Amino acid sequence: MSKHTPGPWFAVADKGQTIIRTSRSSAAFSPLAIVKGDKRDTIKDQEANARLIAAAPDLLEALEYCLDCLGD
């Protein structure tokens, strides 16, 4: 299994950019990712994408729980 930065992750707006961080504090940690779009994307699109990415650790945990419940 691949390793990843443990959650929780947060999508925050910082100086006009949407950033994925491991903390809500902008000074606490370096960003994990800066979410950008193409010319067709709006700021709302970028923020929605960032929220989806930030949910990844929680989604992974939920899927692993489901697999445990299903068994073999």
PDB file of N, CA and C in Angstrom:
ATOM      1  N   MET A   1       0.843  -1.164   0.000  1.00  0.00           N
ATOM      2  CA  MET A   1       0.000   0.000   0.000  1.00  0.00           C
ATOM      3  C   MET A   1       0.892   1.232   0.000  1.00  0.00           C
ATOM      4  N   SER A   2       0.525   2.215  -0.778  1.00  0.00           N
ATOM      5  CA  SER A   2       1.313   3.446  -0.829  1.00  0.00           C
ATOM      6  C   SER A   2       1.051   4.279   0.417  1.00  0.00           C
ATOM      7  N   LYS A   3       2.008   5.088   0.759  1.00  0.00           N
ATOM      8  CA  LYS A   3       1.880   5.945   1.926  1.00  0.00           C
ATOM      9  C   LYS A   3       1.444   7.337   1.473  1.00  0.00           C
ATOM     10  N   HIS A   4       0.787   8.039   2.363  1.00  0.00           N
ATOM     11  CA  HIS A   4       0.351   9.401   2.073  1.00  0.00           C
ATOM     12  C   HIS A   4       0.451  10.219   3.354  1.00  0.00           C
ATOM     13  N   THR A   5       0.373  11.505   3.206  1.00  0.00           N
ATOM     14  CA  THR A   5       0.367  12.389   4.362  1.00  0.00           C
ATOM     15  C   THR A   5      -0.932  12.162   5.119  1.00  0.00           C
ATOM     16  N   PRO A   6      -0.841  11.826   6.398  1.00  0.00           N
ATOM     17  CA  PRO A   6      -2.071  11.560   7.146  1.00  0.00           C
ATOM     18  C   PRO A   6      -2.971  12.789   7.245  1.00  0.00           C
ATOM     19  N   GLY A   7      -4.262  12.533   7.313  1.00  0.00           N
ATOM     20  CA  GLY A   7      -5.227  13.612   7.446  1.00  0.00           C
ATOM     21  C   GLY A   7      -5.341  14.044   8.887  1.00  0.00           C
ATOM     22  N   PRO A   8      -6.187  14.953   9.192  1.00  0.00           N
ATOM     23  CA  PRO A   8      -7.131  15.556   8.254  1.00  0.00           C
ATOM     24  C   PRO A   8      -6.464  16.591   7.354  1.00  0.00           C
ATOM     25  N   TRP A   9      -7.025  16.742   6.164  1.00  0.00           N
ATOM     26  CA  TRP A   9      -6.590  17.773   5.233  1.00  0.00           C
ATOM     27  C   TRP A   9      -7.685  18.823   5.157  1.00  0.00           C
ATOM     28  N   PHE A  10      -7.312  20.041   4.828  1.00  0.00           N
ATOM     29  CA  PHE A  10      -8.255  21.143   4.737  1.00  0.00           C
ATOM     30  C   PHE A  10      -8.023  21.919   3.453  1.00  0.00           C
ATOM     31  N   ALA A  11      -9.100  22.349   2.820  1.00  0.00           N
ATOM     32  CA  ALA A  11      -9.019  23.240   1.666  1.00  0.00           C
ATOM     33  C   ALA A  11      -9.195  24.658   2.198  1.00  0.00           C
ATOM     34  N   VAL A  12      -8.220  25.509   1.933  1.00  0.00           N
ATOM     35  CA  VAL A  12      -8.284  26.889   2.415  1.00  0.00           C
ATOM     36  C   VAL A  12      -7.937  27.847   1.283  1.00  0.00           C
ATOM     37  N   ALA A  13      -8.552  29.014   1.311  1.00  0.00           N
ATOM     38  CA  ALA A  13      -8.201  30.073   0.365  1.00  0.00           C
ATOM     39  C   ALA A  13      -7.069  30.877   0.992  1.00  0.00           C
ATOM     40  N   ASP A  14      -6.028  31.118   0.217  1.00  0.00           N
ATOM     41  CA  ASP A  14      -4.865  31.831   0.734  1.00  0.00           C
ATOM     42  C   ASP A  14      -4.287  32.697  -0.379  1.00  0.00           C
ATOM     43  N   LYS A  15      -4.409  33.992  -0.229  1.00  0.00           N
ATOM     44  CA  LYS A  15      -3.850  34.950  -1.197  1.00  0.00           C
ATOM     45  C   LYS A  15      -4.320  34.664  -2.619  1.00  0.00           C
ATOM     46  N   GLY A  16      -5.617  34.430  -2.758  1.00  0.00           N
ATOM     47  CA  GLY A  16      -6.184  34.226  -4.086  1.00  0.00           C
ATOM     48  C   GLY A  16      -5.978  32.836  -4.660  1.00  0.00           C
ATOM     49  N   GLN A  17      -5.387  31.920  -3.895  1.00  0.00           N
ATOM     50  CA  GLN A  17      -5.199  30.554  -4.351  1.00  0.00           C
ATOM     51  C   GLN A  17      -5.984  29.617  -3.437  1.00  0.00           C
ATOM     52  N   THR A  18      -6.376  28.479  -3.974  1.00  0.00           N
ATOM     53  CA  THR A  18      -6.996  27.449  -3.154  1.00  0.00           C
ATOM     54  C   THR A  18      -5.934  26.405  -2.871  1.00  0.00           C
ATOM     55  N   ILE A  19      -5.694  26.158  -1.594  1.00  0.00           N
ATOM     56  CA  ILE A  19      -4.572  25.332  -1.165  1.00  0.00           C
ATOM     57  C   ILE A  19      -5.071  24.200  -0.273  1.00  0.00           C
ATOM     58  N   ILE A  20      -4.466  23.027  -0.419  1.00  0.00           N
ATOM     59  CA  ILE A  20      -4.734  21.905   0.474  1.00  0.00           C
ATOM     60  C   ILE A  20      -3.639  21.904   1.528  1.00  0.00           C
ATOM     61  N   ARG A  21      -4.028  21.938   2.795  1.00  0.00           N
ATOM     62  CA  ARG A  21      -3.084  21.950   3.911  1.00  0.00           C
ATOM     63  C   ARG A  21      -3.422  20.841   4.889  1.00  0.00           C
ATOM     64  N   THR A  22      -2.451  20.531   5.750  1.00  0.00           N
ATOM     65  CA  THR A  22      -2.697  19.573   6.821  1.00  0.00           C
ATOM     66  C   THR A  22      -3.181  20.272   8.077  1.00  0.00           C
ATOM     67  N   SER A  23      -3.277  21.587   8.037  1.00  0.00           N
ATOM     68  CA  SER A  23      -3.729  22.373   9.177  1.00  0.00           C
ATOM     69  C   SER A  23      -4.555  23.540   8.668  1.00  0.00           C
ATOM     70  N   ARG A  24      -5.480  24.006   9.480  1.00  0.00           N
ATOM     71  CA  ARG A  24      -6.257  25.189   9.090  1.00  0.00           C
ATOM     72  C   ARG A  24      -5.400  26.447   9.154  1.00  0.00           C
ATOM     73  N   SER A  25      -4.344  26.410   9.927  1.00  0.00           N
ATOM     74  CA  SER A  25      -3.465  27.573  10.075  1.00  0.00           C
ATOM     75  C   SER A  25      -2.546  27.692   8.874  1.00  0.00           C
ATOM     76  N   SER A  26      -2.523  28.849   8.242  1.00  0.00           N
ATOM     77  CA  SER A  26      -1.676  29.024   7.057  1.00  0.00           C
ATOM     78  C   SER A  26      -0.203  29.032   7.416  1.00  0.00           C
ATOM     79  N   ALA A  27       0.131  29.353   8.668  1.00  0.00           N
ATOM     80  CA  ALA A  27       1.531  29.416   9.062  1.00  0.00           C
ATOM     81  C   ALA A  27       2.042  28.087   9.613  1.00  0.00           C
ATOM     82  N   ALA A  28       1.136  27.172   9.912  1.00  0.00           N
ATOM     83  CA  ALA A  28       1.529  25.956  10.621  1.00  0.00           C
ATOM     84  C   ALA A  28       2.272  24.952   9.741  1.00  0.00           C
ATOM     85  N   PHE A  29       1.845  24.744   8.512  1.00  0.00           N
ATOM     86  CA  PHE A  29       2.422  23.714   7.667  1.00  0.00           C
ATOM     87  C   PHE A  29       2.535  24.203   6.227  1.00  0.00           C
ATOM     88  N   SER A  30       3.457  23.609   5.503  1.00  0.00           N
ATOM     89  CA  SER A  30       3.560  23.874   4.069  1.00  0.00           C
ATOM     90  C   SER A  30       2.353  23.259   3.373  1.00  0.00           C
ATOM     91  N   PRO A  31       1.963  23.829   2.245  1.00  0.00           N
ATOM     92  CA  PRO A  31       0.808  23.264   1.541  1.00  0.00           C
ATOM     93  C   PRO A  31       1.121  21.898   0.952  1.00  0.00           C
ATOM     94  N   LEU A  32       0.113  21.043   0.903  1.00  0.00           N
ATOM     95  CA  LEU A  32       0.230  19.761   0.211  1.00  0.00           C
ATOM     96  C   LEU A  32       0.053  19.956  -1.281  1.00  0.00           C
ATOM     97  N   ALA A  33      -0.843  20.873  -1.650  1.00  0.00           N
ATOM     98  CA  ALA A  33      -1.133  21.107  -3.063  1.00  0.00           C
ATOM     99  C   ALA A  33      -1.749  22.474  -3.244  1.00  0.00           C
ATOM    100  N   ILE A  34      -1.538  23.046  -4.397  1.00  0.00           N
ATOM    101  CA  ILE A  34      -2.228  24.258  -4.815  1.00  0.00           C
ATOM    102  C   ILE A  34      -3.134  23.838  -5.965  1.00  0.00           C
ATOM    103  N   VAL A  35      -4.425  24.056  -5.797  1.00  0.00           N
ATOM    104  CA  VAL A  35      -5.401  23.599  -6.785  1.00  0.00           C
ATOM    105  C   VAL A  35      -5.617  24.703  -7.805  1.00  0.00           C
ATOM    106  N   LYS A  36      -5.347  24.365  -9.048  1.00  0.00           N
ATOM    107  CA  LYS A  36      -5.542  25.306 -10.149  1.00  0.00           C
ATOM    108  C   LYS A  36      -6.456  24.652 -11.172  1.00  0.00           C
ATOM    109  N   GLY A  37      -7.084  25.442 -11.957  1.00  0.00           N
ATOM    110  CA  GLY A  37      -7.926  24.933 -13.021  1.00  0.00           C
ATOM    111  C   GLY A  37      -7.435  25.440 -14.360  1.00  0.00           C
ATOM    112  N   ASP A  38      -8.213  25.156 -15.378  1.00  0.00           N
ATOM    113  CA  ASP A  38      -7.872  25.716 -16.676  1.00  0.00           C
ATOM    114  C   ASP A  38      -8.705  26.977 -16.898  1.00  0.00           C
ATOM    115  N   LYS A  39      -8.671  27.507 -18.087  1.00  0.00           N
ATOM    116  CA  LYS A  39      -9.336  28.780 -18.374  1.00  0.00           C
ATOM    117  C   LYS A  39     -10.848  28.716 -18.183  1.00  0.00           C
ATOM    118  N   ARG A  40     -11.423  27.525 -18.282  1.00  0.00           N
ATOM    119  CA  ARG A  40     -12.874  27.379 -18.159  1.00  0.00           C
ATOM    120  C   ARG A  40     -13.334  27.292 -16.708  1.00  0.00           C
ATOM    121  N   ASP A  41     -12.423  26.990 -15.776  1.00  0.00           N
ATOM    122  CA  ASP A  41     -12.799  26.809 -14.375  1.00  0.00           C
ATOM    123  C   ASP A  41     -12.987  28.147 -13.672  1.00  0.00           C
ATOM    124  N   THR A  42     -13.978  28.169 -12.812  1.00  0.00           N
ATOM    125  CA  THR A  42     -14.192  29.343 -11.971  1.00  0.00           C
ATOM    126  C   THR A  42     -13.521  29.096 -10.618  1.00  0.00           C
ATOM    127  N   ILE A  43     -13.467  30.123  -9.796  1.00  0.00           N
ATOM    128  CA  ILE A  43     -12.942  29.970  -8.441  1.00  0.00           C
ATOM    129  C   ILE A  43     -13.775  28.941  -7.683  1.00  0.00           C
ATOM    130  N   LYS A  44     -15.084  28.947  -7.895  1.00  0.00           N
ATOM    131  CA  LYS A  44     -15.945  27.963  -7.226  1.00  0.00           C
ATOM    132  C   LYS A  44     -15.597  26.543  -7.654  1.00  0.00           C
ATOM    133  N   ASP A  45     -15.259  26.343  -8.940  1.00  0.00           N
ATOM    134  CA  ASP A  45     -14.828  25.026  -9.417  1.00  0.00           C
ATOM    135  C   ASP A  45     -13.555  24.593  -8.703  1.00  0.00           C
ATOM    136  N   GLN A  46     -12.604  25.514  -8.602  1.00  0.00           N
ATOM    137  CA  GLN A  46     -11.336  25.192  -7.943  1.00  0.00           C
ATOM    138  C   GLN A  46     -11.551  24.863  -6.471  1.00  0.00           C
ATOM    139  N   GLU A  47     -12.426  25.614  -5.802  1.00  0.00           N
ATOM    140  CA  GLU A  47     -12.700  25.353  -4.395  1.00  0.00           C
ATOM    141  C   GLU A  47     -13.396  24.004  -4.209  1.00  0.00           C
ATOM    142  N   ALA A  48     -14.322  23.671  -5.104  1.00  0.00           N
ATOM    143  CA  ALA A  48     -15.001  22.376  -5.020  1.00  0.00           C
ATOM    144  C   ALA A  48     -14.008  21.234  -5.230  1.00  0.00           C
ATOM    145  N   ASN A  49     -13.112  21.384  -6.192  1.00  0.00           N
ATOM    146  CA  ASN A  49     -12.084  20.367  -6.423  1.00  0.00           C
ATOM    147  C   ASN A  49     -11.177  20.232  -5.203  1.00  0.00           C
ATOM    148  N   ALA A  50     -10.833  21.354  -4.601  1.00  0.00           N
ATOM    149  CA  ALA A  50      -9.960  21.326  -3.424  1.00  0.00           C
ATOM    150  C   ALA A  50     -10.646  20.616  -2.258  1.00  0.00           C
ATOM    151  N   ARG A  51     -11.939  20.858  -2.074  1.00  0.00           N
ATOM    152  CA  ARG A  51     -12.661  20.181  -0.991  1.00  0.00           C
ATOM    153  C   ARG A  51     -12.712  18.678  -1.228  1.00  0.00           C
ATOM    154  N   LEU A  52     -12.893  18.271  -2.472  1.00  0.00           N
ATOM    155  CA  LEU A  52     -12.910  16.845  -2.796  1.00  0.00           C
ATOM    156  C   LEU A  52     -11.548  16.214  -2.515  1.00  0.00           C
ATOM    157  N   ILE A  53     -10.479  16.877  -2.927  1.00  0.00           N
ATOM    158  CA  ILE A  53      -9.130  16.366  -2.673  1.00  0.00           C
ATOM    159  C   ILE A  53      -8.865  16.308  -1.172  1.00  0.00           C
ATOM    160  N   ALA A  54      -9.273  17.344  -0.447  1.00  0.00           N
ATOM    161  CA  ALA A  54      -9.033  17.391   0.999  1.00  0.00           C
ATOM    162  C   ALA A  54      -9.783  16.272   1.727  1.00  0.00           C
ATOM    163  N   ALA A  55     -10.852  15.778   1.145  1.00  0.00           N
ATOM    164  CA  ALA A  55     -11.614  14.694   1.763  1.00  0.00           C
ATOM    165  C   ALA A  55     -10.980  13.326   1.531  1.00  0.00           C
ATOM    166  N   ALA A  56      -9.936  13.236   0.728  1.00  0.00           N
ATOM    167  CA  ALA A  56      -9.343  11.952   0.352  1.00  0.00           C
ATOM    168  C   ALA A  56      -8.976  11.067   1.546  1.00  0.00           C
ATOM    169  N   PRO A  57      -8.292  11.565   2.577  1.00  0.00           N
ATOM    170  CA  PRO A  57      -7.969  10.669   3.697  1.00  0.00           C
ATOM    171  C   PRO A  57      -9.219  10.097   4.383  1.00  0.00           C
ATOM    172  N   ASP A  58     -10.263  10.912   4.536  1.00  0.00           N
ATOM    173  CA  ASP A  58     -11.499  10.436   5.149  1.00  0.00           C
ATOM    174  C   ASP A  58     -12.208   9.429   4.245  1.00  0.00           C
ATOM    175  N   LEU A  59     -12.202   9.680   2.939  1.00  0.00           N
ATOM    176  CA  LEU A  59     -12.820   8.748   1.996  1.00  0.00           C
ATOM    177  C   LEU A  59     -12.088   7.413   1.989  1.00  0.00           C
ATOM    178  N   LEU A  60     -10.761   7.445   2.032  1.00  0.00           N
ATOM    179  CA  LEU A  60      -9.972   6.217   2.084  1.00  0.00           C
ATOM    180  C   LEU A  60     -10.317   5.424   3.344  1.00  0.00           C
ATOM    181  N   GLU A  61     -10.385   6.095   4.477  1.00  0.00           N
ATOM    182  CA  GLU A  61     -10.718   5.427   5.735  1.00  0.00           C
ATOM    183  C   GLU A  61     -12.099   4.778   5.656  1.00  0.00           C
ATOM    184  N   ALA A  62     -13.068   5.475   5.083  1.00  0.00           N
ATOM    185  CA  ALA A  62     -14.423   4.928   4.953  1.00  0.00           C
ATOM    186  C   ALA A  62     -14.439   3.707   4.042  1.00  0.00           C
ATOM    187  N   LEU A  63     -13.694   3.765   2.947  1.00  0.00           N
ATOM    188  CA  LEU A  63     -13.641   2.617   2.030  1.00  0.00           C
ATOM    189  C   LEU A  63     -12.971   1.417   2.679  1.00  0.00           C
ATOM    190  N   GLU A  64     -11.899   1.658   3.423  1.00  0.00           N
ATOM    191  CA  GLU A  64     -11.217   0.557   4.112  1.00  0.00           C
ATOM    192  C   GLU A  64     -12.143  -0.072   5.157  1.00  0.00           C
ATOM    193  N   TYR A  65     -12.947   0.739   5.838  1.00  0.00           N
ATOM    194  CA  TYR A  65     -13.914   0.227   6.801  1.00  0.00           C
ATOM    195  C   TYR A  65     -14.947  -0.647   6.096  1.00  0.00           C
ATOM    196  N   CYS A  66     -15.431  -0.182   4.949  1.00  0.00           N
ATOM    197  CA  CYS A  66     -16.405  -0.957   4.175  1.00  0.00           C
ATOM    198  C   CYS A  66     -15.827  -2.317   3.773  1.00  0.00           C
ATOM    199  N   LEU A  67     -14.567  -2.315   3.337  1.00  0.00           N
ATOM    200  CA  LEU A  67     -13.923  -3.577   2.961  1.00  0.00           C
ATOM    201  C   LEU A  67     -13.817  -4.516   4.154  1.00  0.00           C
ATOM    202  N   ASP A  68     -13.490  -3.974   5.314  1.00  0.00           N
ATOM    203  CA  ASP A  68     -13.411  -4.794   6.523  1.00  0.00           C
ATOM    204  C   ASP A  68     -14.780  -5.407   6.861  1.00  0.00           C
ATOM    205  N   CYS A  69     -15.825  -4.621   6.689  1.00  0.00           N
ATOM    206  CA  CYS A  69     -17.179  -5.119   6.994  1.00  0.00           C
ATOM    207  C   CYS A  69     -17.628  -6.198   6.015  1.00  0.00           C
ATOM    208  N   LEU A  70     -17.204  -6.082   4.763  1.00  0.00           N
ATOM    209  CA  LEU A  70     -17.611  -7.059   3.749  1.00  0.00           C
ATOM    210  C   LEU A  70     -16.884  -8.382   3.895  1.00  0.00           C
ATOM    211  N   GLY A  71     -15.680  -8.330   4.438  1.00  0.00           N
ATOM    212  CA  GLY A  71     -14.899  -9.559   4.576  1.00  0.00           C
ATOM    213  C   GLY A  71     -14.451 -10.080   3.228  1.00  0.00           C
ATOM    214  N   ASP A  72     -14.247 -11.394   3.173  1.00  0.00           N
ATOM    215  CA  ASP A  72     -13.798 -12.005   1.923  1.00  0.00           C
ATOM    216  C   ASP A  72     -14.999 -12.281   1.060  1.00  0.00           C
TER     217      ASP A  72
END
